C-alpha atoms as a PDB file:
ATOM      1  CA  MET A   1       0.010  -0.014   0.019  1.00  0.00           C
ATOM      2  CA  ASN A   2       1.431   3.404  -1.040  1.00  0.00           C
ATOM      3  CA  VAL A   3       0.837   6.704   0.729  1.00  0.00           C
ATOM      4  CA  GLN A   4       0.716  10.024  -1.092  1.00  0.00           C
ATOM      5  CA  LYS A   5       1.003  13.239   0.905  1.00  0.00           C
ATOM      6  CA  GLU A   6      -0.377  16.524  -0.392  1.00  0.00           C
ATOM      7  CA  THR A   7       0.088  19.826   1.496  1.00  0.00           C
ATOM      8  CA  ILE A   8      -2.500  22.535   1.003  1.00  0.00           C
ATOM      9  CA  LEU A   9      -1.356  25.919   2.292  1.00  0.00           C
ATOM     10  CA  LEU A  10      -4.104  28.098   3.787  1.00  0.00           C
ATOM     11  CA  PRO A  11      -4.394  31.779   4.635  1.00  0.00           C
ATOM     12  CA  THR A  12      -5.992  30.891   7.998  1.00  0.00           C
ATOM     13  CA  GLN A  13      -6.016  28.035  10.466  1.00  0.00           C
ATOM     14  CA  PRO A  14      -8.183  25.113   9.315  1.00  0.00           C
ATOM     15  CA  HIS A  15     -11.086  24.069  11.445  1.00  0.00           C
ATOM     16  CA  THR A  16     -14.334  22.096  11.205  1.00  0.00           C
ATOM     17  CA  LEU A  17     -12.890  19.807   8.520  1.00  0.00           C
ATOM     18  CA  GLY A  18     -15.287  17.522   6.636  1.00  0.00           C
ATOM     19  CA  TRP A  19     -15.555  15.680   3.344  1.00  0.00           C
ATOM     20  CA  LEU A  20     -18.166  16.190   0.642  1.00  0.00           C
ATOM     21  CA  GLY A  21     -17.253  13.444  -1.848  1.00  0.00           C
ATOM     22  CA  ASN A  22     -13.651  14.206  -2.819  1.00  0.00           C
ATOM     23  CA  GLN A  23     -13.834  17.818  -1.557  1.00  0.00           C
ATOM     24  CA  LEU A  24     -12.449  18.761   1.846  1.00  0.00           C
ATOM     25  CA  VAL A  25     -14.470  21.716   3.150  1.00  0.00           C
ATOM     26  CA  CYS A  26     -15.118  23.835   6.190  1.00  0.00           C
ATOM     27  CA  HIS A  27     -18.829  23.446   6.823  1.00  0.00           C
ATOM     28  CA  GLU A  28     -18.827  26.276   9.369  1.00  0.00           C
ATOM     29  CA  ASN A  29     -18.116  28.930   6.718  1.00  0.00           C
ATOM     30  CA  GLY A  30     -18.204  27.068   3.417  1.00  0.00           C
ATOM     31  CA  GLU A  31     -14.565  27.357   2.387  1.00  0.00           C
ATOM     32  CA  GLN A  32     -13.065  24.578   0.285  1.00  0.00           C
ATOM     33  CA  TYR A  33      -9.637  23.309   1.471  1.00  0.00           C
ATOM     34  CA  TYR A  34      -9.025  20.476  -1.016  1.00  0.00           C
ATOM     35  CA  PRO A  35      -8.262  19.649  -3.852  1.00  0.00           C
ATOM     36  CA  GLU A  36      -7.271  23.290  -3.752  1.00  0.00           C
ATOM     37  CA  TYR A  37      -8.119  26.222  -1.490  1.00  0.00           C
ATOM     38  CA  ASP A  38     -11.126  28.279  -2.551  1.00  0.00           C
ATOM     39  CA  ALA A  39     -12.773  30.788  -0.184  1.00  0.00           C
ATOM     40  CA  TYR A  40     -15.951  30.778  -2.391  1.00  0.00           C
ATOM     41  CA  PRO A  41     -16.407  27.331  -3.876  1.00  0.00           C
ATOM     42  CA  ALA A  42     -19.288  26.337  -6.146  1.00  0.00           C
ATOM     43  CA  TRP A  43     -20.604  23.724  -3.745  1.00  0.00           C
ATOM     44  CA  ARG A  44     -22.119  26.403  -1.545  1.00  0.00           C
ATOM     45  CA  GLU A  45     -24.678  27.048  -4.313  1.00  0.00           C
ATOM     46  CA  MET A  46     -24.748  30.787  -3.745  1.00  0.00           C
ATOM     47  CA  PRO A  47     -23.230  33.791  -5.441  1.00  0.00           C
ATOM     48  CA  LYS A  48     -19.589  34.498  -4.667  1.00  0.00           C
ATOM     49  CA  MET A  49     -18.965  37.094  -1.952  1.00  0.00           C
ATOM     50  CA  MET A  50     -22.154  36.022  -0.218  1.00  0.00           C
ATOM     51  CA  GLY A  51     -20.360  34.315   2.563  1.00  0.00           C
ATOM     52  CA  TYR A  52     -21.857  32.833   5.698  1.00  0.00           C
ATOM     53  CA  SER A  53     -20.589  31.716   9.038  1.00  0.00           C
ATOM     54  CA  PHE A  54     -22.259  29.615  11.709  1.00  0.00           C
ATOM     55  CA  GLY A  55     -19.883  30.758  14.458  1.00  0.00           C
ATOM     56  CA  ALA A  56     -16.399  29.762  15.516  1.00  0.00           C
ATOM     57  CA  GLN A  57     -17.663  27.776  18.477  1.00  0.00           C
ATOM     58  CA  PHE A  58     -18.394  24.823  16.152  1.00  0.00           C
ATOM     59  CA  ASP A  59     -15.194  22.760  15.779  1.00  0.00           C
ATOM     60  CA  ARG A  60     -16.387  19.303  14.618  1.00  0.00           C
ATOM     61  CA  VAL A  61     -18.628  18.069  11.820  1.00  0.00           C
ATOM     62  CA  ILE A  62     -20.234  14.844  10.618  1.00  0.00           C
ATOM     63  CA  THR A  63     -22.126  14.279   7.364  1.00  0.00           C
ATOM     64  CA  SER A  64     -24.781  11.677   6.499  1.00  0.00           C
ATOM     65  CA  LYS A  65     -23.847   8.866   4.091  1.00  0.00           C
ATOM     66  CA  ASN A  66     -26.069  10.340   1.367  1.00  0.00           C
ATOM     67  CA  GLY A  67     -24.391  13.754   1.755  1.00  0.00           C
ATOM     68  CA  GLN A  68     -27.708  15.489   2.384  1.00  0.00           C
ATOM     69  CA  TYR A  69     -27.321  16.359   6.085  1.00  0.00           C
ATOM     70  CA  THR A  70     -24.599  17.804   8.256  1.00  0.00           C
ATOM     71  CA  LEU A  71     -24.186  18.287  11.967  1.00  0.00           C
ATOM     72  CA  LEU A  72     -21.885  21.010  13.147  1.00  0.00           C
ATOM     73  CA  TYR A  73     -21.142  20.753  16.845  1.00  0.00           C
ATOM     74  CA  THR A  74     -18.904  21.899  19.663  1.00  0.00           C
ATOM     75  CA  ASN A  75     -16.836  18.826  20.586  1.00  0.00           C
ATOM     76  CA  LEU A  76     -16.379  19.871  24.205  1.00  0.00           C
ATOM     77  CA  GLY A  77     -19.633  21.701  24.526  1.00  0.00           C
ATOM     78  CA  THR A  78     -23.393  21.056  24.398  1.00  0.00           C
ATOM     79  CA  LYS A  79     -24.505  22.709  21.178  1.00  0.00           C
ATOM     80  CA  GLY A  80     -25.020  21.254  17.710  1.00  0.00           C
ATOM     81  CA  LEU A  81     -26.474  22.705  14.523  1.00  0.00           C
ATOM     82  CA  LEU A  82     -28.277  20.384  12.106  1.00  0.00           C
ATOM     83  CA  LEU A  83     -28.100  21.434   8.469  1.00  0.00           C
ATOM     84  CA  SER A  84     -29.573  20.320   5.168  1.00  0.00           C
ATOM     85  CA  LYS A  85     -27.346  20.620   2.119  1.00  0.00           C
ATOM     86  CA  PRO A  86     -25.732  22.970   1.453  1.00  0.00           C
ATOM     87  CA  ASN A  87     -26.420  25.403   4.357  1.00  0.00           C
ATOM     88  CA  GLU A  88     -30.099  25.326   5.354  1.00  0.00           C
ATOM     89  CA  VAL A  89     -30.533  25.231   9.144  1.00  0.00           C
ATOM     90  CA  LEU A  90     -32.994  22.561  10.215  1.00  0.00           C
ATOM     91  CA  ARG A  91     -32.690  23.100  13.979  1.00  0.00           C
ATOM     92  CA  GLU A  92     -30.327  23.224  16.900  1.00  0.00           C
ATOM     93  CA  VAL A  93     -29.618  20.115  18.997  1.00  0.00           C
ATOM     94  CA  ASN A  94     -28.109  19.749  22.416  1.00  0.00           C
ATOM     95  CA  ARG A  95     -26.560  17.343  24.901  1.00  0.00           C
ATOM     96  CA  SER A  96     -26.311  17.433  28.660  1.00  0.00           C
ATOM     97  CA  TYR A  97     -23.910  19.825  30.310  1.00  0.00           C
ATOM     98  CA  TYR A  98     -22.679  17.053  32.614  1.00  0.00           C
ATOM     99  CA  CYS A  99     -18.913  16.584  32.033  1.00  0.00           C
ATOM    100  CA  ALA A 100     -19.420  17.897  28.478  1.00  0.00           C
ATOM    101  CA  ASP A 101     -16.207  19.917  28.791  1.00  0.00           C
ATOM    102  CA  VAL A 102     -14.024  16.834  29.085  1.00  0.00           C
ATOM    103  CA  TYR A 103     -15.267  14.198  26.580  1.00  0.00           C
ATOM    104  CA  GLU A 104     -16.215  14.038  22.886  1.00  0.00           C
ATOM    105  CA  TYR A 105     -19.770  14.892  21.774  1.00  0.00           C
ATOM    106  CA  PRO A 106     -21.639  11.649  20.871  1.00  0.00           C
ATOM    107  CA  ALA A 107     -23.341  11.879  17.469  1.00  0.00           C
ATOM    108  CA  ILE A 108     -23.571   9.948  14.189  1.00  0.00           C
ATOM    109  CA  PHE A 109     -25.992   9.665  11.256  1.00  0.00           C
ATOM    110  CA  CYS A 110     -27.814   6.418  10.576  1.00  0.00           C
ATOM    111  CA  GLU A 111     -29.773   5.612   7.409  1.00  0.00           C
ATOM    112  CA  THR A 112     -32.275   2.804   7.668  1.00  0.00           C
ATOM    113  CA  GLY A 113     -35.774   2.028   6.408  1.00  0.00           C
ATOM    114  CA  GLY A 114     -35.657   4.951   3.988  1.00  0.00           C
ATOM    115  CA  ARG A 115     -35.137   7.440   6.782  1.00  0.00           C
ATOM    116  CA  THR A 116     -32.074   9.318   8.092  1.00  0.00           C
ATOM    117  CA  PHE A 117     -31.647   9.478  11.830  1.00  0.00           C
ATOM    118  CA  LEU A 118     -29.280  11.407  14.055  1.00  0.00           C
ATOM    119  CA  VAL A 119     -28.134   9.099  16.790  1.00  0.00           C
ATOM    120  CA  HIS A 120     -27.126  11.185  19.829  1.00  0.00           C
ATOM    121  CA  CYS A 121     -27.965  11.907  23.455  1.00  0.00           C
ATOM    122  CA  PRO A 122     -30.463  14.810  23.446  1.00  0.00           C
ATOM    123  CA  LEU A 123     -32.204  13.913  26.704  1.00  0.00           C
ATOM    124  CA  LYS A 124     -29.551  12.400  28.983  1.00  0.00           C
ATOM    125  CA  TYR A 125     -25.805  11.953  28.790  1.00  0.00           C
ATOM    126  CA  CYS A 126     -26.256   8.209  29.306  1.00  0.00           C
ATOM    127  CA  ARG A 127     -29.185   7.709  26.940  1.00  0.00           C
ATOM    128  CA  LEU A 128     -28.873   7.055  23.204  1.00  0.00           C
ATOM    129  CA  ASP A 129     -31.814   8.128  20.989  1.00  0.00           C
ATOM    130  CA  PHE A 130     -32.640   7.987  17.281  1.00  0.00           C
ATOM    131  CA  GLU A 131     -33.995  11.322  16.052  1.00  0.00           C
ATOM    132  CA  ASP A 132     -35.526  11.681  12.559  1.00  0.00           C
ATOM    133  CA  VAL A 133     -33.462  14.339  10.858  1.00  0.00           C
ATOM    134  CA  GLU A 134     -36.361  15.847   8.844  1.00  0.00           C
ATOM    135  CA  THR A 135     -39.156  15.776  11.420  1.00  0.00           C
ATOM    136  CA  GLY A 136     -37.298  15.931  14.739  1.00  0.00           C
ATOM    137  CA  GLU A 137     -39.298  12.894  16.013  1.00  0.00           C
ATOM    138  CA  ILE A 138     -37.301  10.941  18.572  1.00  0.00           C
ATOM    139  CA  LEU A 139     -38.334   7.447  17.540  1.00  0.00           C
ATOM    140  CA  THR A 140     -36.868   5.820  20.634  1.00  0.00           C
ATOM    141  CA  ASN A 141     -38.558   8.160  23.138  1.00  0.00           C
ATOM    142  CA  THR A 142     -40.716   5.424  24.558  1.00  0.00           C
ATOM    143  CA  PRO A 143     -41.985   4.776  28.135  1.00  0.00           C
ATOM    144  CA  ASN A 144     -39.861   2.974  30.711  1.00  0.00           C
ATOM    145  CA  ARG A 145     -36.500   4.081  29.367  1.00  0.00           C
ATOM    146  CA  ASN A 146     -33.968   3.641  32.171  1.00  0.00           C
ATOM    147  CA  PRO A 147     -30.385   3.905  30.849  1.00  0.00           C
ATOM    148  CA  ARG A 148     -27.414   2.650  32.791  1.00  0.00           C
ATOM    149  CA  ASP A 149     -24.726   5.066  33.908  1.00  0.00           C
ATOM    150  CA  PHE A 150     -22.502   5.353  30.806  1.00  0.00           C
ATOM    151  CA  PHE A 151     -20.959   8.361  29.084  1.00  0.00           C
ATOM    152  CA  HIS A 152     -21.640   7.728  25.421  1.00  0.00           C
ATOM    153  CA  SER A 153     -19.005   9.047  22.995  1.00  0.00           C
ATOM    154  CA  ARG A 154     -17.254   8.433  19.656  1.00  0.00           C
ATOM    155  CA  LEU A 155     -20.221   6.653  18.043  1.00  0.00           C
ATOM    156  CA  GLU A 156     -19.541   4.505  14.987  1.00  0.00           C
ATOM    157  CA  ILE A 157     -21.739   2.310  12.731  1.00  0.00           C
ATOM    158  CA  SER A 158     -20.603  -0.751  10.881  1.00  0.00           C
ATOM    159  CA  PRO A 159     -20.278  -0.357   7.057  1.00  0.00           C
ATOM    160  CA  ASP A 160     -23.443  -2.391   6.460  1.00  0.00           C
ATOM    161  CA  GLY A 161     -25.401  -0.371   9.015  1.00  0.00           C
ATOM    162  CA  ARG A 162     -26.187  -3.334  11.347  1.00  0.00           C
ATOM    163  CA  PHE A 163     -24.180  -2.462  14.429  1.00  0.00           C
ATOM    164  CA  LEU A 164     -23.657   0.662  16.466  1.00  0.00           C
ATOM    165  CA  ILE A 165     -20.783   1.031  18.920  1.00  0.00           C
ATOM    166  CA  SER A 166     -20.233   3.643  21.581  1.00  0.00           C
ATOM    167  CA  LYS A 167     -16.577   4.200  22.476  1.00  0.00           C
ATOM    168  CA  GLY A 168     -17.428   5.874  25.777  1.00  0.00           C
ATOM    169  CA  TRP A 169     -16.480   5.674  29.407  1.00  0.00           C
ATOM    170  CA  VAL A 170     -17.655   5.006  32.928  1.00  0.00           C
ATOM    171  CA  TRP A 171     -16.568   6.511  36.202  1.00  0.00           C
ATOM    172  CA  HIS A 172     -13.773   6.361  37.533  1.00  0.00           C
ATOM    173  CA  PRO A 173     -12.791   6.843  34.601  1.00  0.00           C
ATOM    174  CA  LEU A 174     -12.469   3.777  32.349  1.00  0.00           C
ATOM    175  CA  ASP A 175     -12.820   3.748  28.602  1.00  0.00           C
ATOM    176  CA  VAL A 176     -15.112   0.915  27.518  1.00  0.00           C
ATOM    177  CA  ILE A 177     -16.964   0.006  24.320  1.00  0.00           C
ATOM    178  CA  ALA A 178     -20.683  -0.827  24.241  1.00  0.00           C
ATOM    179  CA  PHE A 179     -22.322  -2.317  21.151  1.00  0.00           C
ATOM    180  CA  TYR A 180     -25.895  -2.546  19.803  1.00  0.00           C
ATOM    181  CA  LYS A 181     -27.824  -4.125  16.955  1.00  0.00           C
ATOM    182  CA  ILE A 182     -29.554  -1.204  15.302  1.00  0.00           C
ATOM    183  CA  GLU A 183     -32.606  -3.038  13.921  1.00  0.00           C
ATOM    184  CA  ASP A 184     -33.342  -4.629  17.297  1.00  0.00           C
ATOM    185  CA  CYS A 185     -32.979  -1.338  19.150  1.00  0.00           C
ATOM    186  CA  LEU A 186     -35.381   0.458  16.831  1.00  0.00           C
ATOM    187  CA  LYS A 187     -37.951  -2.299  17.478  1.00  0.00           C
ATOM    188  CA  ASN A 188     -37.292  -2.254  21.216  1.00  0.00           C
ATOM    189  CA  PRO A 189     -35.623   0.995  22.415  1.00  0.00           C
ATOM    190  CA  LEU A 190     -35.169  -0.423  25.862  1.00  0.00           C
ATOM    191  CA  LEU A 191     -32.227  -2.356  24.423  1.00  0.00           C
ATOM    192  CA  LEU A 192     -30.424   0.973  24.146  1.00  0.00           C
ATOM    193  CA  ASP A 193     -30.438   1.196  27.912  1.00  0.00           C
ATOM    194  CA  GLU A 194     -28.230  -1.856  28.199  1.00  0.00           C
ATOM    195  CA  THR A 195     -24.453  -1.557  27.900  1.00  0.00           C
ATOM    196  CA  THR A 196     -23.089  -4.823  26.646  1.00  0.00           C
ATOM    197  CA  ASN A 197     -19.343  -4.322  26.527  1.00  0.00           C
ATOM    198  CA  ILE A 198     -16.624  -5.945  24.519  1.00  0.00           C
ATOM    199  CA  ALA A 199     -13.908  -7.730  26.514  1.00  0.00           C
ATOM    200  CA  ILE A 200     -10.552  -9.341  25.898  1.00  0.00           C
ATOM    201  CA  ASP A 201     -11.671 -12.515  27.502  1.00  0.00           C
ATOM    202  CA  ALA A 202     -15.238 -13.809  27.507  1.00  0.00           C
ATOM    203  CA  LYS A 203     -16.913 -13.611  30.921  1.00  0.00           C
ATOM    204  CA  GLU A 204     -17.418 -16.870  32.711  1.00  0.00           C
ATOM    205  CA  GLU A 205     -21.010 -17.846  33.562  1.00  0.00           C
ATOM    206  CA  ASN A 206     -22.276 -15.982  36.590  1.00  0.00           C
ATOM    207  CA  GLU A 207     -19.260 -13.679  36.581  1.00  0.00           C
ATOM    208  CA  GLU A 208     -20.287 -10.341  38.077  1.00  0.00           C
ATOM    209  CA  GLU A 209     -17.375  -8.173  36.951  1.00  0.00           C
ATOM    210  CA  GLU A 210     -18.571  -5.502  34.491  1.00  0.00           C
ATOM    211  CA  PHE A 211     -15.479  -3.303  34.209  1.00  0.00           C
ATOM    212  CA  GLY A 212     -11.785  -3.452  34.892  1.00  0.00           C
ATOM    213  CA  SER A 213      -8.722  -4.098  32.632  1.00  0.00           C
ATOM    214  CA  ASN A 214     -10.520  -6.886  30.746  1.00  0.00           C
ATOM    215  CA  PHE A 215     -13.042  -4.294  29.440  1.00  0.00           C
ATOM    216  CA  GLU A 216     -10.808  -1.225  28.922  1.00  0.00           C
ATOM    217  CA  PHE A 217     -10.220  -0.118  25.340  1.00  0.00           C
ATOM    218  CA  CYS A 218      -8.839   3.211  24.272  1.00  0.00           C
ATOM    219  CA  SER A 219      -9.865   2.971  20.626  1.00  0.00           C
ATOM    220  CA  ALA A 220     -11.742   0.894  18.066  1.00  0.00           C
ATOM    221  CA  SER A 221     -12.806   0.943  14.385  1.00  0.00           C
ATOM    222  CA  PHE A 222     -14.763  -1.347  12.108  1.00  0.00           C
ATOM    223  CA  ALA A 223     -12.408  -3.314   9.796  1.00  0.00           C
ATOM    224  CA  ASN A 224     -15.426  -4.696   7.973  1.00  0.00           C
ATOM    225  CA  ASN A 225     -19.036  -5.551   8.645  1.00  0.00           C
ATOM    226  CA  GLU A 226     -18.301  -8.155  11.308  1.00  0.00           C
ATOM    227  CA  LEU A 227     -14.873  -7.381  12.694  1.00  0.00           C
ATOM    228  CA  LEU A 228     -14.109  -4.558  15.092  1.00  0.00           C
ATOM    229  CA  LEU A 229     -10.482  -3.574  15.404  1.00  0.00           C
ATOM    230  CA  THR A 230      -9.608  -2.574  18.984  1.00  0.00           C
ATOM    231  CA  VAL A 231      -6.747  -1.316  21.147  1.00  0.00           C
ATOM    232  CA  PRO A 232      -6.754  -2.361  24.854  1.00  0.00           C
ATOM    233  CA  THR A 233      -5.867   0.488  27.182  1.00  0.00           C
ATOM    234  CA  ASN A 234      -3.426  -1.587  29.170  1.00  0.00           C
ATOM    235  CA  ALA A 235      -1.797  -3.247  26.155  1.00  0.00           C
ATOM    236  CA  ASN A 236      -1.762  -0.222  23.811  1.00  0.00           C
ATOM    237  CA  THR A 237       0.743  -1.677  21.367  1.00  0.00           C
ATOM    238  CA  MET A 238      -1.566  -4.585  20.627  1.00  0.00           C
ATOM    239  CA  LEU A 239      -4.456  -4.857  18.108  1.00  0.00           C
ATOM    240  CA  TYR A 240      -7.353  -7.166  18.881  1.00  0.00           C
ATOM    241  CA  TRP A 241     -10.160  -8.267  16.543  1.00  0.00           C
ATOM    242  CA  TRP A 242     -13.631  -8.495  18.108  1.00  0.00           C
ATOM    243  CA  ASP A 243     -16.166 -10.582  16.099  1.00  0.00           C
ATOM    244  CA  MET A 244     -19.562  -8.841  16.309  1.00  0.00           C
ATOM    245  CA  ASN A 245     -21.459 -12.025  15.504  1.00  0.00           C
ATOM    246  CA  LYS A 246     -19.549 -14.376  17.843  1.00  0.00           C
ATOM    247  CA  ASN A 247     -19.223 -11.761  20.619  1.00  0.00           C
ATOM    248  CA  LYS A 248     -15.612 -12.554  21.331  1.00  0.00           C
ATOM    249  CA  MET A 249     -12.031 -11.751  20.403  1.00  0.00           C
ATOM    250  CA  VAL A 250     -10.795 -13.917  17.566  1.00  0.00           C
ATOM    251  CA  HIS A 251      -7.284 -12.646  16.811  1.00  0.00           C
ATOM    252  CA  ASN A 252      -4.560 -10.268  17.974  1.00  0.00           C
ATOM    253  CA  VAL A 253      -1.265  -8.885  16.702  1.00  0.00           C
ATOM    254  CA  GLU A 254       1.632  -6.884  18.188  1.00  0.00           C
ATOM    255  CA  THR A 255       2.646  -3.583  16.476  1.00  0.00           C
ATOM    256  CA  GLY A 256       5.530  -2.466  18.628  1.00  0.00           C
ATOM    257  CA  GLN A 257       4.226   1.134  18.731  1.00  0.00           C
ATOM    258  CA  GLN A 258       1.866   2.902  21.124  1.00  0.00           C
ATOM    259  CA  LEU A 259      -1.543   3.198  19.549  1.00  0.00           C
ATOM    260  CA  GLY A 260      -4.523   5.396  20.483  1.00  0.00           C
ATOM    261  CA  ASN A 261      -6.760   6.707  17.683  1.00  0.00           C
ATOM    262  CA  LEU A 262      -7.600   4.000  15.176  1.00  0.00           C
ATOM    263  CA  LEU A 263      -9.096   4.465  11.721  1.00  0.00           C
ATOM    264  CA  ALA A 264      -9.556   1.130   9.966  1.00  0.00           C
ATOM    265  CA  VAL A 265      -9.173   1.209   6.202  1.00  0.00           C
ATOM    266  CA  ASP A 266     -10.236  -2.386   5.670  1.00  0.00           C
ATOM    267  CA  GLN A 267      -9.434  -5.824   7.079  1.00  0.00           C
ATOM    268  CA  ASN A 268      -5.826  -5.461   5.916  1.00  0.00           C
ATOM    269  CA  TRP A 269      -4.837  -1.901   6.708  1.00  0.00           C
ATOM    270  CA  ALA A 270      -5.486   0.755   9.390  1.00  0.00           C
ATOM    271  CA  TRP A 271      -4.348   4.235  10.363  1.00  0.00           C
ATOM    272  CA  ASP A 272      -3.337   5.040  13.885  1.00  0.00           C
ATOM    273  CA  LEU A 273      -3.004   8.731  14.749  1.00  0.00           C
ATOM    274  CA  PHE A 274      -1.478   8.711  18.211  1.00  0.00           C
ATOM    275  CA  GLU A 275       1.160  11.522  18.040  1.00  0.00           C
ATOM    276  CA  TYR A 276       1.642  11.131  14.258  1.00  0.00           C
ATOM    277  CA  PRO A 277       0.032   9.160  11.428  1.00  0.00           C
ATOM    278  CA  LYS A 278       1.066   5.485  11.108  1.00  0.00           C
ATOM    279  CA  LEU A 279      -0.183   3.000   8.470  1.00  0.00           C
ATOM    280  CA  ILE A 280      -0.451  -0.457   9.968  1.00  0.00           C
ATOM    281  CA  ASN A 281      -0.340  -3.750   8.028  1.00  0.00           C
ATOM    282  CA  LEU A 282      -3.006  -5.670   9.940  1.00  0.00           C
ATOM    283  CA  VAL A 283      -1.714  -9.082   8.713  1.00  0.00           C
ATOM    284  CA  THR A 284       1.759  -8.611  10.161  1.00  0.00           C
ATOM    285  CA  GLY A 285       1.282  -5.819  12.680  1.00  0.00           C
ATOM    286  CA  LYS A 286       4.152  -3.933  10.975  1.00  0.00           C
ATOM    287  CA  ILE A 287       4.093  -0.142  10.705  1.00  0.00           C
ATOM    288  CA  GLU A 288       4.557   0.229   6.885  1.00  0.00           C
ATOM    289  CA  TRP A 289       4.573   4.026   6.788  1.00  0.00           C
ATOM    290  CA  LEU A 290       4.763   6.922   9.242  1.00  0.00           C
ATOM    291  CA  ASP A 291       5.406  10.643   9.179  1.00  0.00           C
ATOM    292  CA  GLN A 292       6.591  12.168  12.464  1.00  0.00           C
ATOM    293  CA  SER A 293       6.485  15.670  10.942  1.00  0.00           C
ATOM    294  CA  ILE A 294       2.667  15.616  11.084  1.00  0.00           C
ATOM    295  CA  ASN A 295       1.159  16.273  14.477  1.00  0.00           C
ATOM    296  CA  SER A 296      -2.025  14.239  14.809  1.00  0.00           C
ATOM    297  CA  GLY A 297      -2.509  14.666  18.545  1.00  0.00           C
ATOM    298  CA  LYS A 298      -2.219  12.284  21.500  1.00  0.00           C
ATOM    299  CA  GLN A 299      -5.773  11.108  21.768  1.00  0.00           C
ATOM    300  CA  ASN A 300      -6.183   7.721  23.356  1.00  0.00           C
ATOM    301  CA  SER A 301      -9.540   8.095  25.066  1.00  0.00           C
ATOM    302  CA  ALA A 302     -13.020   9.621  24.749  1.00  0.00           C
ATOM    303  CA  ILE A 303     -11.839  11.954  27.483  1.00  0.00           C
ATOM    304  CA  ILE A 304      -9.718  14.650  25.793  1.00  0.00           C
ATOM    305  CA  GLY A 305     -10.040  17.609  28.135  1.00  0.00           C
ATOM    306  CA  THR A 306      -7.793  20.455  27.048  1.00  0.00           C
ATOM    307  CA  GLN A 307      -5.541  18.499  24.719  1.00  0.00           C
ATOM    308  CA  GLY A 308      -6.038  20.912  21.817  1.00  0.00           C
ATOM    309  CA  LEU A 309      -6.265  18.213  19.162  1.00  0.00           C
ATOM    310  CA  PRO A 310      -5.797  19.138  15.490  1.00  0.00           C
ATOM    311  CA  PRO A 311      -8.844  18.893  13.159  1.00  0.00           C
ATOM    312  CA  ILE A 312      -8.957  15.485  11.431  1.00  0.00           C
ATOM    313  CA  ALA A 313     -11.265  14.228   8.701  1.00  0.00           C
ATOM    314  CA  TRP A 314     -11.233  10.636   7.408  1.00  0.00           C
ATOM    315  CA  ASN A 315     -13.001   9.601   4.152  1.00  0.00           C
ATOM    316  CA  ARG A 316     -13.220   5.887   4.136  1.00  0.00           C
ATOM    317  CA  ASN A 317     -14.912   5.786   0.714  1.00  0.00           C
ATOM    318  CA  THR A 318     -12.034   7.507  -1.016  1.00  0.00           C
ATOM    319  CA  GLY A 319      -9.191   6.479   1.322  1.00  0.00           C
ATOM    320  CA  LYS A 320      -8.231  10.082   2.082  1.00  0.00           C
ATOM    321  CA  LEU A 321      -7.149  11.340   5.509  1.00  0.00           C
ATOM    322  CA  ALA A 322      -6.881  15.029   6.209  1.00  0.00           C
ATOM    323  CA  ILE A 323      -5.028  16.465   9.248  1.00  0.00           C
ATOM    324  CA  GLY A 324      -5.040  20.146   9.955  1.00  0.00           C
ATOM    325  CA  GLY A 325      -1.801  21.929  10.864  1.00  0.00           C
ATOM    326  CA  GLU A 326      -0.492  25.448  11.207  1.00  0.00           C
ATOM    327  CA  ASN A 327      -2.106  27.310   8.253  1.00  0.00           C
ATOM    328  CA  LYS A 328      -2.195  24.082   6.218  1.00  0.00           C
ATOM    329  CA  VAL A 329      -3.904  20.803   5.680  1.00  0.00           C
ATOM    330  CA  GLU A 330      -2.009  17.568   5.066  1.00  0.00           C
ATOM    331  CA  VAL A 331      -4.000  15.147   2.889  1.00  0.00           C
ATOM    332  CA  LEU A 332      -2.835  11.501   2.880  1.00  0.00           C
ATOM    333  CA  SER A 333      -4.101   9.180   0.160  1.00  0.00           C
ATOM    334  CA  LEU A 334      -3.816   5.429  -0.217  1.00  0.00           C
ATOM    335  CA  SER A 335      -3.228   3.455  -3.417  1.00  0.00           C
ATOM    336  CA  SER A 336      -2.189  -0.056  -4.185  1.00  0.00           C
ATOM    337  CA  HIS A 337       0.187   1.042  -6.981  1.00  0.00           C
END
């Protein structure tokens, strides 16, 4: 696998990075960063010089799979702004203030049954809900919801849309990963109140332990529809494969480097962004490429506090990874030639 690095120089600091197809843009003010910088790109569908800005407080963005919807949000705050392409405001969304200043805002889009949902925590920090993007209906706001005490964060959905994981944490504090079957949860929202966690070793029958080193994972990412690539907190040079169907670990490999912020490319390759970008051969565990000149932060938890992480945008469909720097964006592309 070959890596191509492109450096895009910018007149200002990049922020709120997000992909629209092959274009890297700032959704907060509409500027295009890549393939070349353009302060007034055509994708905004408005006359040039008619700029807009939704406010500098928004520093993260996610976009729906169909490209129609965008959520701007304050990663260590409570406010989000739900948009319809290209810049129509649908409504504001919020999360609980509780510890919001220390851990990542939980939100992701989910497309199922011909509808697009925003999965987030609008009512309680520990409660996941599915909100219809167009209507605002919270489909999972049913009686008898009683969520367990869990700080949801870093939500991710499997490529085929079957599974949802929450790479969150529990007090005091431990990073753990809960997983859900989306179809089952939409039929019975009470399943969202359970926190079934992945573990290095399967629990024995009647074992009461819920947390501890067996359940601690600082990062995870779907390698494919069934396999979840994970990094145990207390063995952070190791990669473990969790089988979503078998509910157990099925493989592991040593990389020899500290890991912390995984982005799986496929079942053979993955990026890790702890300190600097590293491309990992998942078959051998070997680091095939790295660039220590690119600062990609030291994230190894949902809890990031005041780390001041650089803006990062990963496009799994095109294999492009963008990392913001000092008045520039580094775009890393993968190819097999």
